[in-house]
Amino acid sequence: MKVLMVLTSHDQLGHTGLKTGFWLEELAAPYYVFKDAGAQIVLASPAGGQPPLDPKSNEPAFQTALTRRFEQDAEATALLAHTVRLDSVSAADFDTVFYPGGHGPLWDLVADPHSIALIETMIAAQKPVALVCHAPGVLRDVKAPDGRPLVEGKKVTGFTNTEEDAVGLTQVVPFLVEDMLKARGAHYSKGADWGSYVVTDGLLITGQNPGSSEEVATVLLGELARRKLAP
């Protein structure tokens, strides 16, 4: 089983002067779900190399056993330091793709033609796609094989408006994930703020927030096992 994990290369939080990037738990928790299941993992980003870490995600309040494990794992940190360029990967080489969130993807991956094409190709090839927290935002411009928005008529979740308001970034982000998904015709649902909440609709698996990361990856493994791709 070969898993591609796609990270943001964007590090500016709008016009605030603050840094953003990917959220550490949303990489670390799924990474170990996949690795401990025997998967081969490739990390990619639009620019390649070391993707930017949202500094808040590494503050003590947001650290977990798995984020600490990741930071002490020489193999994992080396992979992260040398992500491959997204435009160099082929969907044909992977069984699935997983998108960690953080605010960064709302600026770069959402409009990245290689990301859009990757998701469209994976779906057309009947391969599952999983996204967590802000990462469902990268589905904004992704089309289904019939040309309609991929999420139209699909059951999905993603970072809620109330969660965005709670972190004080409603007026900073380029769009609200919840509002965008609804505007694209998705059947959006959510659980309690900050609790794990995962929605599956066919090949599409989405999670609401950082706390959903591990469950999204576990559900994805189950889908791969159902397709006889898991080890």
C-alpha atoms as a PDB file:
ATOM      1  CA  MET A   1       0.000   0.000   0.000  1.00  0.00           C
ATOM      2  CA  LYS A   2       1.396   3.369  -1.014  1.00  0.00           C
ATOM      3  CA  VAL A   3       0.035   6.584   0.519  1.00  0.00           C
ATOM      4  CA  LEU A   4       0.661  10.119  -0.697  1.00  0.00           C
ATOM      5  CA  MET A   5       0.319  12.894   1.885  1.00  0.00           C
ATOM      6  CA  VAL A   6       0.047  16.413   0.433  1.00  0.00           C
ATOM      7  CA  LEU A   7       1.127  19.403   2.531  1.00  0.00           C
ATOM      8  CA  THR A   8       0.906  23.148   1.993  1.00  0.00           C
ATOM      9  CA  SER A   9       3.858  25.359   1.053  1.00  0.00           C
ATOM     10  CA  HIS A  10       2.115  28.580   2.125  1.00  0.00           C
ATOM     11  CA  ASP A  11       3.362  30.264   5.315  1.00  0.00           C
ATOM     12  CA  GLN A  12       1.685  33.704   5.473  1.00  0.00           C
ATOM     13  CA  LEU A  13      -1.507  34.091   7.511  1.00  0.00           C
ATOM     14  CA  GLY A  14      -3.220  36.605   5.282  1.00  0.00           C
ATOM     15  CA  HIS A  15      -2.135  40.168   6.024  1.00  0.00           C
ATOM     16  CA  THR A  16      -1.642  39.582   9.758  1.00  0.00           C
ATOM     17  CA  GLY A  17       2.142  39.301   9.553  1.00  0.00           C
ATOM     18  CA  LEU A  18       1.828  35.970  11.345  1.00  0.00           C
ATOM     19  CA  LYS A  19       3.003  32.591  10.102  1.00  0.00           C
ATOM     20  CA  THR A  20       0.828  29.640   9.141  1.00  0.00           C
ATOM     21  CA  GLY A  21       1.362  26.337   7.349  1.00  0.00           C
ATOM     22  CA  PHE A  22       0.296  22.766   8.058  1.00  0.00           C
ATOM     23  CA  TRP A  23      -1.051  21.634  11.436  1.00  0.00           C
ATOM     24  CA  LEU A  24       1.341  19.170  13.060  1.00  0.00           C
ATOM     25  CA  GLU A  25      -1.224  16.787  14.590  1.00  0.00           C
ATOM     26  CA  GLU A  26      -2.952  16.479  11.222  1.00  0.00           C
ATOM     27  CA  LEU A  27       0.279  15.144   9.743  1.00  0.00           C
ATOM     28  CA  ALA A  28       1.626  13.157  12.691  1.00  0.00           C
ATOM     29  CA  ALA A  29      -1.495  11.225  13.704  1.00  0.00           C
ATOM     30  CA  PRO A  30      -2.333   9.927  10.202  1.00  0.00           C
ATOM     31  CA  TYR A  31       1.345   9.335   9.439  1.00  0.00           C
ATOM     32  CA  TYR A  32       1.586   6.779  12.235  1.00  0.00           C
ATOM     33  CA  VAL A  33      -1.764   5.191  11.432  1.00  0.00           C
ATOM     34  CA  PHE A  34      -0.385   4.509   7.960  1.00  0.00           C
ATOM     35  CA  LYS A  35       3.184   3.666   8.989  1.00  0.00           C
ATOM     36  CA  ASP A  36       2.134   1.301  11.767  1.00  0.00           C
ATOM     37  CA  ALA A  37      -0.056  -0.497   9.228  1.00  0.00           C
ATOM     38  CA  GLY A  38       2.983  -1.077   7.021  1.00  0.00           C
ATOM     39  CA  ALA A  39       2.243   1.539   4.371  1.00  0.00           C
ATOM     40  CA  GLN A  40       4.852   3.199   2.215  1.00  0.00           C
ATOM     41  CA  ILE A  41       4.446   6.967   2.660  1.00  0.00           C
ATOM     42  CA  VAL A  42       5.490   9.796   0.354  1.00  0.00           C
ATOM     43  CA  LEU A  43       5.175  13.432   1.442  1.00  0.00           C
ATOM     44  CA  ALA A  44       4.634  16.083  -1.221  1.00  0.00           C
ATOM     45  CA  SER A  45       4.098  19.847  -1.331  1.00  0.00           C
ATOM     46  CA  PRO A  46       3.753  22.425  -4.121  1.00  0.00           C
ATOM     47  CA  ALA A  47       7.258  23.835  -3.616  1.00  0.00           C
ATOM     48  CA  GLY A  48       8.946  20.660  -2.408  1.00  0.00           C
ATOM     49  CA  GLY A  49      11.458  20.629   0.429  1.00  0.00           C
ATOM     50  CA  GLN A  50      10.539  21.603   3.982  1.00  0.00           C
ATOM     51  CA  PRO A  51       6.900  22.722   4.206  1.00  0.00           C
ATOM     52  CA  PRO A  52       6.031  25.415   6.746  1.00  0.00           C
ATOM     53  CA  LEU A  53       4.712  24.309  10.115  1.00  0.00           C
ATOM     54  CA  ASP A  54       2.008  26.419  11.707  1.00  0.00           C
ATOM     55  CA  PRO A  55       3.895  27.481  14.852  1.00  0.00           C
ATOM     56  CA  LYS A  56       0.768  27.374  16.979  1.00  0.00           C
ATOM     57  CA  SER A  57       0.366  23.670  16.254  1.00  0.00           C
ATOM     58  CA  ASN A  58       3.590  22.959  18.115  1.00  0.00           C
ATOM     59  CA  GLU A  59       2.688  24.900  21.228  1.00  0.00           C
ATOM     60  CA  PRO A  60       2.400  22.744  24.374  1.00  0.00           C
ATOM     61  CA  ALA A  61      -1.401  22.977  24.428  1.00  0.00           C
ATOM     62  CA  PHE A  62      -1.614  21.333  21.004  1.00  0.00           C
ATOM     63  CA  GLN A  63       1.104  18.720  21.336  1.00  0.00           C
ATOM     64  CA  THR A  64       0.096  15.079  21.563  1.00  0.00           C
ATOM     65  CA  ALA A  65       1.916  11.798  22.073  1.00  0.00           C
ATOM     66  CA  LEU A  66       1.996  11.387  18.288  1.00  0.00           C
ATOM     67  CA  THR A  67       3.319  14.890  17.549  1.00  0.00           C
ATOM     68  CA  ARG A  68       6.116  14.257  20.048  1.00  0.00           C
ATOM     69  CA  ARG A  69       6.788  10.858  18.486  1.00  0.00           C
ATOM     70  CA  PHE A  70       7.018  12.487  15.067  1.00  0.00           C
ATOM     71  CA  GLU A  71       9.445  15.152  16.200  1.00  0.00           C
ATOM     72  CA  GLN A  72      11.715  12.513  17.753  1.00  0.00           C
ATOM     73  CA  ASP A  73      11.548  10.277  14.663  1.00  0.00           C
ATOM     74  CA  ALA A  74      14.596  10.886  12.457  1.00  0.00           C
ATOM     75  CA  GLU A  75      13.085   9.076   9.479  1.00  0.00           C
ATOM     76  CA  ALA A  76       9.848  11.065   9.671  1.00  0.00           C
ATOM     77  CA  THR A  77      11.530  14.439  10.076  1.00  0.00           C
ATOM     78  CA  ALA A  78      13.877  13.669   7.169  1.00  0.00           C
ATOM     79  CA  LEU A  79      10.891  12.869   4.949  1.00  0.00           C
ATOM     80  CA  LEU A  80       9.292  16.143   5.998  1.00  0.00           C
ATOM     81  CA  ALA A  81      12.443  18.120   5.270  1.00  0.00           C
ATOM     82  CA  HIS A  82      12.594  16.733   1.737  1.00  0.00           C
ATOM     83  CA  THR A  83       9.016  16.584   0.472  1.00  0.00           C
ATOM     84  CA  VAL A  84       8.797  15.930  -3.240  1.00  0.00           C
ATOM     85  CA  ARG A  85       7.332  18.548  -5.546  1.00  0.00           C
ATOM     86  CA  LEU A  86       3.647  17.974  -6.134  1.00  0.00           C
ATOM     87  CA  ASP A  87       4.051  18.439  -9.877  1.00  0.00           C
ATOM     88  CA  SER A  88       6.432  15.446  -9.940  1.00  0.00           C
ATOM     89  CA  VAL A  89       4.022  12.849  -8.560  1.00  0.00           C
ATOM     90  CA  SER A  90       1.647  10.627 -10.497  1.00  0.00           C
ATOM     91  CA  ALA A  91      -1.678   9.436  -9.138  1.00  0.00           C
ATOM     92  CA  ALA A  92      -0.976   6.096 -10.799  1.00  0.00           C
ATOM     93  CA  ASP A  93       1.810   5.433  -8.285  1.00  0.00           C
ATOM     94  CA  PHE A  94      -0.436   5.658  -5.204  1.00  0.00           C
ATOM     95  CA  ASP A  95      -3.383   3.815  -3.717  1.00  0.00           C
ATOM     96  CA  THR A  96      -4.733   6.860  -1.908  1.00  0.00           C
ATOM     97  CA  VAL A  97      -4.013  10.485  -1.024  1.00  0.00           C
ATOM     98  CA  PHE A  98      -4.394  12.205   2.342  1.00  0.00           C
ATOM     99  CA  TYR A  99      -4.460  15.983   2.846  1.00  0.00           C
ATOM    100  CA  PRO A 100      -3.564  17.333   6.308  1.00  0.00           C
ATOM    101  CA  GLY A 101      -4.956  20.772   7.019  1.00  0.00           C
ATOM    102  CA  GLY A 102      -3.752  23.909   8.714  1.00  0.00           C
ATOM    103  CA  HIS A 103      -4.698  27.272   7.238  1.00  0.00           C
ATOM    104  CA  GLY A 104      -2.000  27.189   4.550  1.00  0.00           C
ATOM    105  CA  PRO A 105      -3.940  25.028   2.041  1.00  0.00           C
ATOM    106  CA  LEU A 106      -6.639  27.719   1.767  1.00  0.00           C
ATOM    107  CA  TRP A 107      -4.106  29.925  -0.033  1.00  0.00           C
ATOM    108  CA  ASP A 108      -2.079  27.541  -2.184  1.00  0.00           C
ATOM    109  CA  LEU A 109      -3.461  24.018  -2.589  1.00  0.00           C
ATOM    110  CA  VAL A 110      -7.005  25.241  -3.216  1.00  0.00           C
ATOM    111  CA  ALA A 111      -5.980  26.715  -6.565  1.00  0.00           C
ATOM    112  CA  ASP A 112      -2.988  24.499  -7.345  1.00  0.00           C
ATOM    113  CA  PRO A 113      -3.629  22.854 -10.739  1.00  0.00           C
ATOM    114  CA  HIS A 114      -1.538  19.817  -9.819  1.00  0.00           C
ATOM    115  CA  SER A 115      -3.522  19.264  -6.631  1.00  0.00           C
ATOM    116  CA  ILE A 116      -6.822  19.658  -8.469  1.00  0.00           C
ATOM    117  CA  ALA A 117      -5.728  17.236 -11.196  1.00  0.00           C
ATOM    118  CA  LEU A 118      -4.405  14.759  -8.628  1.00  0.00           C
ATOM    119  CA  ILE A 119      -7.728  14.559  -6.788  1.00  0.00           C
ATOM    120  CA  GLU A 120      -9.727  14.372  -9.995  1.00  0.00           C
ATOM    121  CA  THR A 121      -7.492  11.583 -11.305  1.00  0.00           C
ATOM    122  CA  MET A 122      -7.638   9.616  -8.045  1.00  0.00           C
ATOM    123  CA  ILE A 123     -11.427   9.789  -7.969  1.00  0.00           C
ATOM    124  CA  ALA A 124     -11.710   8.815 -11.642  1.00  0.00           C
ATOM    125  CA  ALA A 125      -9.456   5.838 -10.909  1.00  0.00           C
ATOM    126  CA  GLN A 126     -11.716   4.770  -8.027  1.00  0.00           C
ATOM    127  CA  LYS A 127      -9.077   5.537  -5.398  1.00  0.00           C
ATOM    128  CA  PRO A 128     -10.145   7.075  -2.063  1.00  0.00           C
ATOM    129  CA  VAL A 129      -9.234  10.643  -1.111  1.00  0.00           C
ATOM    130  CA  ALA A 130      -9.145  11.845   2.506  1.00  0.00           C
ATOM    131  CA  LEU A 131      -8.914  15.397   3.825  1.00  0.00           C
ATOM    132  CA  VAL A 132      -9.061  16.820   7.344  1.00  0.00           C
ATOM    133  CA  CYS A 133      -9.893  20.161   8.998  1.00  0.00           C
ATOM    134  CA  HIS A 134      -9.147  23.015   6.534  1.00  0.00           C
ATOM    135  CA  ALA A 135      -7.982  20.611   3.841  1.00  0.00           C
ATOM    136  CA  PRO A 136     -11.532  19.952   2.547  1.00  0.00           C
ATOM    137  CA  GLY A 137     -11.214  23.548   1.341  1.00  0.00           C
ATOM    138  CA  VAL A 138      -8.904  22.303  -1.429  1.00  0.00           C
ATOM    139  CA  LEU A 139     -11.950  20.625  -2.989  1.00  0.00           C
ATOM    140  CA  ARG A 140     -13.345  24.033  -3.994  1.00  0.00           C
ATOM    141  CA  ASP A 141     -12.374  23.834  -7.670  1.00  0.00           C
ATOM    142  CA  VAL A 142     -12.209  20.051  -8.043  1.00  0.00           C
ATOM    143  CA  LYS A 143     -14.650  18.644 -10.584  1.00  0.00           C
ATOM    144  CA  ALA A 144     -16.392  15.293 -10.807  1.00  0.00           C
ATOM    145  CA  PRO A 145     -16.011  13.325 -14.068  1.00  0.00           C
ATOM    146  CA  ASP A 146     -19.255  14.906 -15.308  1.00  0.00           C
ATOM    147  CA  GLY A 147     -17.869  18.427 -14.826  1.00  0.00           C
ATOM    148  CA  ARG A 148     -19.909  19.344 -11.770  1.00  0.00           C
ATOM    149  CA  PRO A 149     -18.255  20.244  -8.441  1.00  0.00           C
ATOM    150  CA  LEU A 150     -16.909  17.050  -6.894  1.00  0.00           C
ATOM    151  CA  VAL A 151     -18.626  17.777  -3.584  1.00  0.00           C
ATOM    152  CA  GLU A 152     -22.031  18.516  -5.133  1.00  0.00           C
ATOM    153  CA  GLY A 153     -24.526  16.121  -3.591  1.00  0.00           C
ATOM    154  CA  LYS A 154     -21.800  14.535  -1.437  1.00  0.00           C
ATOM    155  CA  LYS A 155     -21.850  14.168   2.344  1.00  0.00           C
ATOM    156  CA  VAL A 156     -18.830  16.051   3.714  1.00  0.00           C
ATOM    157  CA  THR A 157     -17.487  17.878   6.740  1.00  0.00           C
ATOM    158  CA  GLY A 158     -14.639  20.299   7.433  1.00  0.00           C
ATOM    159  CA  PHE A 159     -13.565  23.046   9.815  1.00  0.00           C
ATOM    160  CA  THR A 160     -16.706  24.737  11.081  1.00  0.00           C
ATOM    161  CA  ASN A 161     -17.569  28.429  11.031  1.00  0.00           C
ATOM    162  CA  THR A 162     -17.791  28.373  14.821  1.00  0.00           C
ATOM    163  CA  GLU A 163     -14.350  26.789  15.140  1.00  0.00           C
ATOM    164  CA  GLU A 164     -12.906  29.431  12.809  1.00  0.00           C
ATOM    165  CA  ASP A 165     -14.575  32.125  14.887  1.00  0.00           C
ATOM    166  CA  ALA A 166     -13.158  30.593  18.052  1.00  0.00           C
ATOM    167  CA  VAL A 167      -9.604  30.959  16.738  1.00  0.00           C
ATOM    168  CA  GLY A 168     -10.319  34.536  15.659  1.00  0.00           C
ATOM    169  CA  LEU A 169      -9.604  34.094  11.956  1.00  0.00           C
ATOM    170  CA  THR A 170     -13.020  34.459  10.348  1.00  0.00           C
ATOM    171  CA  GLN A 171     -12.018  37.788   8.794  1.00  0.00           C
ATOM    172  CA  VAL A 172      -8.508  36.606   7.878  1.00  0.00           C
ATOM    173  CA  VAL A 173      -9.033  33.418   5.883  1.00  0.00           C
ATOM    174  CA  PRO A 174      -9.824  33.773   2.154  1.00  0.00           C
ATOM    175  CA  PHE A 175     -13.017  31.772   2.654  1.00  0.00           C
ATOM    176  CA  LEU A 176     -14.797  29.718   5.287  1.00  0.00           C
ATOM    177  CA  VAL A 177     -14.596  25.985   4.624  1.00  0.00           C
ATOM    178  CA  GLU A 178     -18.118  25.284   5.864  1.00  0.00           C
ATOM    179  CA  ASP A 179     -19.667  28.038   3.740  1.00  0.00           C
ATOM    180  CA  MET A 180     -17.724  27.052   0.628  1.00  0.00           C
ATOM    181  CA  LEU A 181     -18.721  23.395   0.819  1.00  0.00           C
ATOM    182  CA  LYS A 182     -22.370  24.329   1.212  1.00  0.00           C
ATOM    183  CA  ALA A 183     -22.112  26.791  -1.696  1.00  0.00           C
ATOM    184  CA  ARG A 184     -20.737  24.005  -3.894  1.00  0.00           C
ATOM    185  CA  GLY A 185     -23.814  21.922  -3.187  1.00  0.00           C
ATOM    186  CA  ALA A 186     -22.355  19.560  -0.612  1.00  0.00           C
ATOM    187  CA  HIS A 187     -24.449  17.981   2.122  1.00  0.00           C
ATOM    188  CA  TYR A 188     -22.340  19.454   4.915  1.00  0.00           C
ATOM    189  CA  SER A 189     -22.649  18.195   8.478  1.00  0.00           C
ATOM    190  CA  LYS A 190     -20.660  18.691  11.655  1.00  0.00           C
ATOM    191  CA  GLY A 191     -20.215  17.400  15.148  1.00  0.00           C
ATOM    192  CA  ALA A 192     -19.377  19.252  18.347  1.00  0.00           C
ATOM    193  CA  ASP A 193     -16.635  21.838  17.996  1.00  0.00           C
ATOM    194  CA  TRP A 194     -13.176  20.271  18.468  1.00  0.00           C
ATOM    195  CA  GLY A 195     -14.553  16.727  18.783  1.00  0.00           C
ATOM    196  CA  SER A 196     -13.657  14.004  16.301  1.00  0.00           C
ATOM    197  CA  TYR A 197     -16.176  13.884  13.458  1.00  0.00           C
ATOM    198  CA  VAL A 198     -15.668  11.999  10.203  1.00  0.00           C
ATOM    199  CA  VAL A 199     -17.913  11.691   7.159  1.00  0.00           C
ATOM    200  CA  THR A 200     -17.552   9.144   4.349  1.00  0.00           C
ATOM    201  CA  ASP A 201     -19.322   9.323   1.008  1.00  0.00           C
ATOM    202  CA  GLY A 202     -18.022   6.806  -1.483  1.00  0.00           C
ATOM    203  CA  LEU A 203     -14.397   7.611  -2.263  1.00  0.00           C
ATOM    204  CA  LEU A 204     -14.421  10.854  -0.270  1.00  0.00           C
ATOM    205  CA  ILE A 205     -13.490  10.848   3.426  1.00  0.00           C
ATOM    206  CA  THR A 206     -13.471  14.134   5.351  1.00  0.00           C
ATOM    207  CA  GLY A 207     -12.754  15.097   8.960  1.00  0.00           C
ATOM    208  CA  GLN A 208     -13.856  18.207  10.805  1.00  0.00           C
ATOM    209  CA  ASN A 209     -10.824  19.357  12.805  1.00  0.00           C
ATOM    210  CA  PRO A 210      -7.383  18.376  14.167  1.00  0.00           C
ATOM    211  CA  GLY A 211      -8.945  15.961  16.640  1.00  0.00           C
ATOM    212  CA  SER A 212     -10.473  14.067  13.714  1.00  0.00           C
ATOM    213  CA  SER A 213      -7.117  13.327  12.064  1.00  0.00           C
ATOM    214  CA  GLU A 214      -6.453   9.900  13.500  1.00  0.00           C
ATOM    215  CA  GLU A 215     -10.013   8.716  12.901  1.00  0.00           C
ATOM    216  CA  VAL A 216      -9.965   9.906   9.282  1.00  0.00           C
ATOM    217  CA  ALA A 217      -6.785   7.915   8.661  1.00  0.00           C
ATOM    218  CA  THR A 218      -8.244   4.851  10.363  1.00  0.00           C
ATOM    219  CA  VAL A 219     -11.411   5.071   8.280  1.00  0.00           C
ATOM    220  CA  LEU A 220      -9.267   5.441   5.157  1.00  0.00           C
ATOM    221  CA  LEU A 221      -7.304   2.305   6.065  1.00  0.00           C
ATOM    222  CA  GLY A 222     -10.582   0.469   6.470  1.00  0.00           C
ATOM    223  CA  GLU A 223     -11.662   1.582   3.008  1.00  0.00           C
ATOM    224  CA  LEU A 224      -8.356   0.429   1.544  1.00  0.00           C
ATOM    225  CA  ALA A 225      -8.685  -2.901   3.320  1.00  0.00           C
ATOM    226  CA  ARG A 226     -12.157  -3.278   1.883  1.00  0.00           C
ATOM    227  CA  ARG A 227     -10.568  -2.765  -1.502  1.00  0.00           C
ATOM    228  CA  LYS A 228      -7.881  -5.320  -0.565  1.00  0.00           C
ATOM    229  CA  LEU A 229      -5.079  -2.780  -0.721  1.00  0.00           C
ATOM    230  CA  ALA A 230      -4.101  -2.633   2.935  1.00  0.00           C
ATOM    231  CA  PRO A 231      -1.251  -4.879   4.140  1.00  0.00           C
END
